[in-house]
Amino acid sequence: MLAAAQRLRRSADFAAAIRGGRRAGRGTLVVHLLIDEPAFASTARAGFVVSKAVGNAVVRNKVRRRLRHLVRPLLSELPAGTSLVIRALPASADAAYTTLATDLEGAIVAARRPRRPR
């Protein structure tokens, strides 16, 4: 489990991260990263979106548990006030744990990368 202070719970927090954050996708997941520094935030927070397209309840909970375990050490590397939403794609149901790990780390790195001028 993530600590209560590390979890996104309100739909407004999810919506803010999805609408206002940077998006990066990989084969098994999509990451929405909103780096915001409000005065009240002391840590980075994460939330998970695992739809029914991923599988039945057993599969969805398995994917969510794996992602939660993978994101726990990565939250300490993000700045305080960061909101991270991880949306699992249907391919995550059959993906190996190492594949999920590399996709998650790669997507976070890509979302943190500064944008190139056009």
N, C-alpha and C. Protein backbone atom coordinates (compact mmCIF):
# COMPACT_ATOMS: atom_id res chain seq x y z
N MET A 1 0.83 -1.19 0.00
CA MET A 1 0.00 0.00 0.00
C MET A 1 0.87 1.25 0.00
N LEU A 2 0.35 2.26 -0.62
CA LEU A 2 0.96 3.57 -0.52
C LEU A 2 0.41 4.27 0.71
N ALA A 3 1.21 5.12 1.29
CA ALA A 3 0.73 5.90 2.44
C ALA A 3 -0.41 6.81 1.97
N ALA A 4 -1.27 7.20 2.88
CA ALA A 4 -2.41 8.03 2.53
C ALA A 4 -1.98 9.34 1.88
N ALA A 5 -0.87 9.90 2.33
CA ALA A 5 -0.38 11.16 1.77
C ALA A 5 0.17 10.99 0.36
N GLN A 6 0.42 9.76 -0.06
CA GLN A 6 0.99 9.50 -1.38
C GLN A 6 -0.05 9.08 -2.41
N ARG A 7 -1.33 9.05 -2.02
CA ARG A 7 -2.37 8.57 -2.93
C ARG A 7 -3.22 9.72 -3.44
N LEU A 8 -3.57 9.66 -4.71
CA LEU A 8 -4.59 10.55 -5.26
C LEU A 8 -5.93 9.88 -5.00
N ARG A 9 -6.89 10.62 -4.47
CA ARG A 9 -8.17 10.03 -4.16
C ARG A 9 -9.35 10.75 -4.81
N ARG A 10 -9.26 12.06 -4.90
CA ARG A 10 -10.38 12.84 -5.42
C ARG A 10 -10.36 12.87 -6.95
N SER A 11 -11.52 12.84 -7.55
CA SER A 11 -11.60 12.86 -9.01
C SER A 11 -11.06 14.17 -9.56
N ALA A 12 -11.17 15.25 -8.80
CA ALA A 12 -10.63 16.54 -9.25
C ALA A 12 -9.10 16.47 -9.37
N ASP A 13 -8.46 15.74 -8.48
CA ASP A 13 -7.00 15.58 -8.56
C ASP A 13 -6.60 14.75 -9.78
N PHE A 14 -7.37 13.69 -10.06
CA PHE A 14 -7.11 12.89 -11.25
C PHE A 14 -7.30 13.73 -12.51
N ALA A 15 -8.41 14.50 -12.55
CA ALA A 15 -8.71 15.32 -13.72
C ALA A 15 -7.64 16.39 -13.95
N ALA A 16 -7.16 17.00 -12.88
CA ALA A 16 -6.13 18.02 -13.01
C ALA A 16 -4.84 17.44 -13.58
N ALA A 17 -4.47 16.27 -13.13
CA ALA A 17 -3.25 15.63 -13.62
C ALA A 17 -3.40 15.20 -15.07
N ILE A 18 -4.56 14.69 -15.43
CA ILE A 18 -4.78 14.22 -16.79
C ILE A 18 -4.89 15.38 -17.77
N ARG A 19 -5.60 16.42 -17.38
CA ARG A 19 -5.79 17.56 -18.28
C ARG A 19 -4.58 18.48 -18.34
N GLY A 20 -3.94 18.70 -17.20
CA GLY A 20 -2.87 19.70 -17.17
C GLY A 20 -1.47 19.14 -17.18
N GLY A 21 -1.33 17.84 -17.06
CA GLY A 21 0.00 17.24 -16.95
C GLY A 21 0.57 16.82 -18.29
N ARG A 22 1.81 16.44 -18.27
CA ARG A 22 2.49 15.91 -19.46
C ARG A 22 2.18 14.43 -19.57
N ARG A 23 1.98 13.96 -20.81
CA ARG A 23 1.60 12.58 -21.04
C ARG A 23 2.71 11.86 -21.78
N ALA A 24 2.97 10.64 -21.36
CA ALA A 24 3.93 9.78 -22.06
C ALA A 24 3.40 8.36 -22.00
N GLY A 25 3.45 7.68 -23.11
CA GLY A 25 2.92 6.33 -23.17
C GLY A 25 3.97 5.32 -23.55
N ARG A 26 3.75 4.12 -23.14
CA ARG A 26 4.56 2.97 -23.51
C ARG A 26 3.59 1.85 -23.87
N GLY A 27 4.09 0.68 -24.15
CA GLY A 27 3.25 -0.41 -24.63
C GLY A 27 2.19 -0.89 -23.66
N THR A 28 2.46 -0.78 -22.37
CA THR A 28 1.52 -1.33 -21.39
C THR A 28 0.81 -0.28 -20.55
N LEU A 29 1.25 0.98 -20.63
CA LEU A 29 0.65 2.00 -19.78
C LEU A 29 0.87 3.39 -20.34
N VAL A 30 0.10 4.33 -19.80
CA VAL A 30 0.22 5.75 -20.11
C VAL A 30 0.37 6.48 -18.79
N VAL A 31 1.30 7.43 -18.74
CA VAL A 31 1.58 8.20 -17.53
C VAL A 31 1.19 9.65 -17.77
N HIS A 32 0.48 10.24 -16.81
CA HIS A 32 0.17 11.67 -16.82
C HIS A 32 0.89 12.26 -15.61
N LEU A 33 1.77 13.22 -15.85
CA LEU A 33 2.60 13.78 -14.79
C LEU A 33 2.37 15.28 -14.70
N LEU A 34 1.89 15.74 -13.57
CA LEU A 34 1.67 17.16 -13.32
C LEU A 34 2.60 17.58 -12.20
N ILE A 35 3.59 18.39 -12.57
CA ILE A 35 4.53 18.89 -11.56
C ILE A 35 4.03 20.25 -11.12
N ASP A 36 3.47 20.28 -9.94
CA ASP A 36 2.88 21.48 -9.36
C ASP A 36 3.37 21.55 -7.93
N GLU A 37 3.61 22.73 -7.45
CA GLU A 37 4.15 22.86 -6.09
C GLU A 37 3.25 23.71 -5.21
N PRO A 38 2.09 23.20 -4.84
CA PRO A 38 1.26 23.95 -3.90
C PRO A 38 1.89 23.94 -2.51
N ALA A 39 1.51 24.91 -1.74
CA ALA A 39 2.12 25.08 -0.41
C ALA A 39 1.80 23.92 0.54
N PHE A 40 0.66 23.27 0.36
CA PHE A 40 0.25 22.23 1.31
C PHE A 40 0.83 20.86 1.00
N ALA A 41 1.38 20.66 -0.18
CA ALA A 41 1.86 19.33 -0.56
C ALA A 41 3.27 19.08 0.00
N SER A 42 3.43 17.94 0.63
CA SER A 42 4.74 17.61 1.19
C SER A 42 5.39 16.45 0.44
N THR A 43 4.65 15.81 -0.43
CA THR A 43 5.19 14.65 -1.13
C THR A 43 4.52 14.51 -2.49
N ALA A 44 5.09 13.69 -3.32
CA ALA A 44 4.47 13.36 -4.60
C ALA A 44 3.35 12.36 -4.37
N ARG A 45 2.32 12.41 -5.21
CA ARG A 45 1.17 11.52 -5.05
C ARG A 45 0.92 10.77 -6.35
N ALA A 46 0.37 9.57 -6.23
CA ALA A 46 0.10 8.74 -7.40
C ALA A 46 -1.32 8.18 -7.33
N GLY A 47 -1.89 7.98 -8.52
CA GLY A 47 -3.20 7.36 -8.65
C GLY A 47 -3.18 6.42 -9.84
N PHE A 48 -4.07 5.45 -9.84
CA PHE A 48 -4.07 4.42 -10.86
C PHE A 48 -5.44 4.32 -11.50
N VAL A 49 -5.45 4.14 -12.82
CA VAL A 49 -6.67 3.93 -13.58
C VAL A 49 -6.52 2.61 -14.31
N VAL A 50 -7.31 1.63 -13.91
CA VAL A 50 -7.27 0.30 -14.54
C VAL A 50 -8.71 -0.03 -14.92
N SER A 51 -9.03 0.11 -16.20
CA SER A 51 -10.41 -0.05 -16.65
C SER A 51 -10.75 -1.53 -16.88
N LYS A 52 -12.02 -1.76 -17.16
CA LYS A 52 -12.48 -3.12 -17.42
C LYS A 52 -11.92 -3.69 -18.70
N ALA A 53 -11.37 -2.83 -19.57
CA ALA A 53 -10.74 -3.32 -20.80
C ALA A 53 -9.50 -4.15 -20.49
N VAL A 54 -8.91 -3.94 -19.32
CA VAL A 54 -7.71 -4.69 -18.93
C VAL A 54 -8.07 -6.14 -18.61
N GLY A 55 -9.22 -6.36 -18.01
CA GLY A 55 -9.62 -7.72 -17.67
C GLY A 55 -10.65 -7.71 -16.57
N ASN A 56 -10.90 -8.88 -16.01
CA ASN A 56 -11.87 -8.98 -14.93
C ASN A 56 -11.27 -8.41 -13.64
N ALA A 57 -12.01 -8.44 -12.55
CA ALA A 57 -11.59 -7.81 -11.30
C ALA A 57 -10.28 -8.39 -10.77
N VAL A 58 -10.10 -9.68 -10.92
CA VAL A 58 -8.87 -10.32 -10.43
C VAL A 58 -7.67 -9.79 -11.19
N VAL A 59 -7.78 -9.69 -12.50
CA VAL A 59 -6.67 -9.21 -13.33
C VAL A 59 -6.42 -7.73 -13.06
N ARG A 60 -7.47 -6.94 -12.96
CA ARG A 60 -7.30 -5.50 -12.71
C ARG A 60 -6.60 -5.26 -11.38
N ASN A 61 -7.00 -5.99 -10.33
CA ASN A 61 -6.36 -5.82 -9.03
C ASN A 61 -4.91 -6.28 -9.05
N LYS A 62 -4.61 -7.32 -9.80
CA LYS A 62 -3.23 -7.78 -9.93
C LYS A 62 -2.37 -6.72 -10.60
N VAL A 63 -2.88 -6.13 -11.67
CA VAL A 63 -2.15 -5.07 -12.37
C VAL A 63 -1.97 -3.86 -11.45
N ARG A 64 -3.00 -3.48 -10.73
CA ARG A 64 -2.92 -2.34 -9.81
C ARG A 64 -1.89 -2.59 -8.70
N ARG A 65 -1.88 -3.80 -8.15
CA ARG A 65 -0.90 -4.13 -7.10
C ARG A 65 0.52 -4.06 -7.63
N ARG A 66 0.74 -4.58 -8.83
CA ARG A 66 2.07 -4.54 -9.44
C ARG A 66 2.52 -3.10 -9.66
N LEU A 67 1.63 -2.28 -10.22
CA LEU A 67 1.98 -0.89 -10.49
C LEU A 67 2.23 -0.12 -9.20
N ARG A 68 1.42 -0.39 -8.19
CA ARG A 68 1.60 0.29 -6.91
C ARG A 68 2.96 -0.06 -6.30
N HIS A 69 3.35 -1.31 -6.40
CA HIS A 69 4.65 -1.73 -5.88
C HIS A 69 5.79 -1.09 -6.67
N LEU A 70 5.63 -0.95 -7.97
CA LEU A 70 6.67 -0.36 -8.80
C LEU A 70 6.80 1.15 -8.60
N VAL A 71 5.70 1.82 -8.34
CA VAL A 71 5.73 3.28 -8.25
C VAL A 71 6.21 3.77 -6.88
N ARG A 72 6.10 2.95 -5.86
CA ARG A 72 6.46 3.38 -4.50
C ARG A 72 7.87 3.97 -4.41
N PRO A 73 8.92 3.30 -4.89
CA PRO A 73 10.25 3.92 -4.79
C PRO A 73 10.45 5.09 -5.74
N LEU A 74 9.68 5.15 -6.83
CA LEU A 74 9.85 6.24 -7.79
C LEU A 74 9.26 7.56 -7.29
N LEU A 75 8.31 7.49 -6.38
CA LEU A 75 7.69 8.71 -5.86
C LEU A 75 8.68 9.58 -5.10
N SER A 76 9.64 8.96 -4.44
CA SER A 76 10.61 9.75 -3.68
C SER A 76 11.54 10.55 -4.60
N GLU A 77 11.65 10.14 -5.86
CA GLU A 77 12.51 10.85 -6.81
C GLU A 77 11.81 12.04 -7.46
N LEU A 78 10.49 12.12 -7.32
CA LEU A 78 9.74 13.21 -7.92
C LEU A 78 9.65 14.39 -6.95
N PRO A 79 9.56 15.62 -7.48
CA PRO A 79 9.46 16.79 -6.59
C PRO A 79 8.16 16.79 -5.78
N ALA A 80 8.19 17.47 -4.66
CA ALA A 80 6.99 17.58 -3.82
C ALA A 80 5.90 18.30 -4.60
N GLY A 81 4.67 17.86 -4.43
CA GLY A 81 3.55 18.46 -5.11
C GLY A 81 3.24 17.84 -6.46
N THR A 82 3.99 16.84 -6.86
CA THR A 82 3.77 16.19 -8.15
C THR A 82 2.58 15.23 -8.06
N SER A 83 1.75 15.26 -9.10
CA SER A 83 0.65 14.30 -9.22
C SER A 83 0.96 13.39 -10.39
N LEU A 84 0.87 12.10 -10.16
CA LEU A 84 1.19 11.10 -11.16
C LEU A 84 -0.01 10.17 -11.31
N VAL A 85 -0.57 10.10 -12.53
CA VAL A 85 -1.66 9.19 -12.81
C VAL A 85 -1.15 8.16 -13.80
N ILE A 86 -1.31 6.90 -13.46
CA ILE A 86 -0.85 5.80 -14.30
C ILE A 86 -2.09 5.08 -14.81
N ARG A 87 -2.25 5.07 -16.14
CA ARG A 87 -3.40 4.41 -16.76
C ARG A 87 -2.91 3.14 -17.43
N ALA A 88 -3.40 2.00 -16.97
CA ALA A 88 -2.99 0.71 -17.50
C ALA A 88 -3.73 0.44 -18.80
N LEU A 89 -3.00 -0.03 -19.80
CA LEU A 89 -3.59 -0.43 -21.07
C LEU A 89 -3.88 -1.93 -21.04
N PRO A 90 -4.74 -2.42 -21.94
CA PRO A 90 -5.07 -3.86 -21.92
C PRO A 90 -3.85 -4.78 -22.01
N ALA A 91 -2.76 -4.32 -22.64
CA ALA A 91 -1.56 -5.16 -22.74
C ALA A 91 -0.91 -5.41 -21.39
N SER A 92 -1.22 -4.59 -20.40
CA SER A 92 -0.61 -4.76 -19.08
C SER A 92 -1.09 -6.02 -18.37
N ALA A 93 -2.23 -6.56 -18.78
CA ALA A 93 -2.76 -7.76 -18.14
C ALA A 93 -1.85 -8.96 -18.34
N ASP A 94 -1.24 -9.06 -19.52
CA ASP A 94 -0.39 -10.21 -19.83
C ASP A 94 1.09 -9.90 -19.75
N ALA A 95 1.43 -8.66 -19.40
CA ALA A 95 2.83 -8.24 -19.40
C ALA A 95 3.57 -8.81 -18.19
N ALA A 96 4.84 -9.08 -18.40
CA ALA A 96 5.70 -9.53 -17.30
C ALA A 96 5.98 -8.35 -16.37
N TYR A 97 6.34 -8.67 -15.16
CA TYR A 97 6.64 -7.65 -14.16
C TYR A 97 7.77 -6.74 -14.63
N THR A 98 8.80 -7.31 -15.23
CA THR A 98 9.93 -6.50 -15.70
C THR A 98 9.52 -5.58 -16.84
N THR A 99 8.60 -6.02 -17.67
CA THR A 99 8.10 -5.17 -18.75
C THR A 99 7.35 -3.98 -18.19
N LEU A 100 6.50 -4.23 -17.19
CA LEU A 100 5.80 -3.12 -16.54
C LEU A 100 6.78 -2.14 -15.91
N ALA A 101 7.83 -2.67 -15.28
CA ALA A 101 8.82 -1.81 -14.63
C ALA A 101 9.54 -0.93 -15.65
N THR A 102 9.99 -1.50 -16.75
CA THR A 102 10.71 -0.70 -17.75
C THR A 102 9.78 0.30 -18.42
N ASP A 103 8.54 -0.10 -18.70
CA ASP A 103 7.58 0.83 -19.30
C ASP A 103 7.26 2.00 -18.36
N LEU A 104 7.09 1.70 -17.08
CA LEU A 104 6.78 2.75 -16.12
C LEU A 104 7.94 3.73 -15.97
N GLU A 105 9.13 3.21 -15.79
CA GLU A 105 10.29 4.09 -15.64
C GLU A 105 10.53 4.91 -16.90
N GLY A 106 10.41 4.28 -18.06
CA GLY A 106 10.60 4.99 -19.31
C GLY A 106 9.56 6.07 -19.54
N ALA A 107 8.32 5.81 -19.19
CA ALA A 107 7.26 6.80 -19.37
C ALA A 107 7.46 7.98 -18.43
N ILE A 108 7.87 7.73 -17.19
CA ILE A 108 8.10 8.83 -16.26
C ILE A 108 9.27 9.69 -16.72
N VAL A 109 10.33 9.05 -17.19
CA VAL A 109 11.48 9.82 -17.71
C VAL A 109 11.05 10.66 -18.91
N ALA A 110 10.26 10.09 -19.80
CA ALA A 110 9.81 10.83 -20.98
C ALA A 110 8.90 11.99 -20.60
N ALA A 111 8.05 11.80 -19.60
CA ALA A 111 7.15 12.87 -19.17
C ALA A 111 7.91 13.99 -18.46
N ARG A 112 9.00 13.68 -17.82
CA ARG A 112 9.80 14.70 -17.13
C ARG A 112 10.73 15.46 -18.06
N ARG A 113 11.00 14.89 -19.22
CA ARG A 113 11.92 15.50 -20.18
C ARG A 113 11.36 16.84 -20.65
N PRO A 114 12.20 17.88 -20.74
CA PRO A 114 11.70 19.17 -21.20
C PRO A 114 11.26 19.09 -22.66
N ARG A 115 10.29 19.88 -22.98
CA ARG A 115 9.77 19.88 -24.35
C ARG A 115 10.75 20.57 -25.28
N ARG A 116 10.83 20.02 -26.49
CA ARG A 116 11.69 20.62 -27.49
C ARG A 116 10.93 21.73 -28.21
N PRO A 117 11.60 22.84 -28.49
CA PRO A 117 10.92 23.89 -29.25
C PRO A 117 10.67 23.45 -30.67
N ARG A 118 9.55 23.86 -31.22
CA ARG A 118 9.21 23.47 -32.60
C ARG A 118 9.70 24.46 -33.59
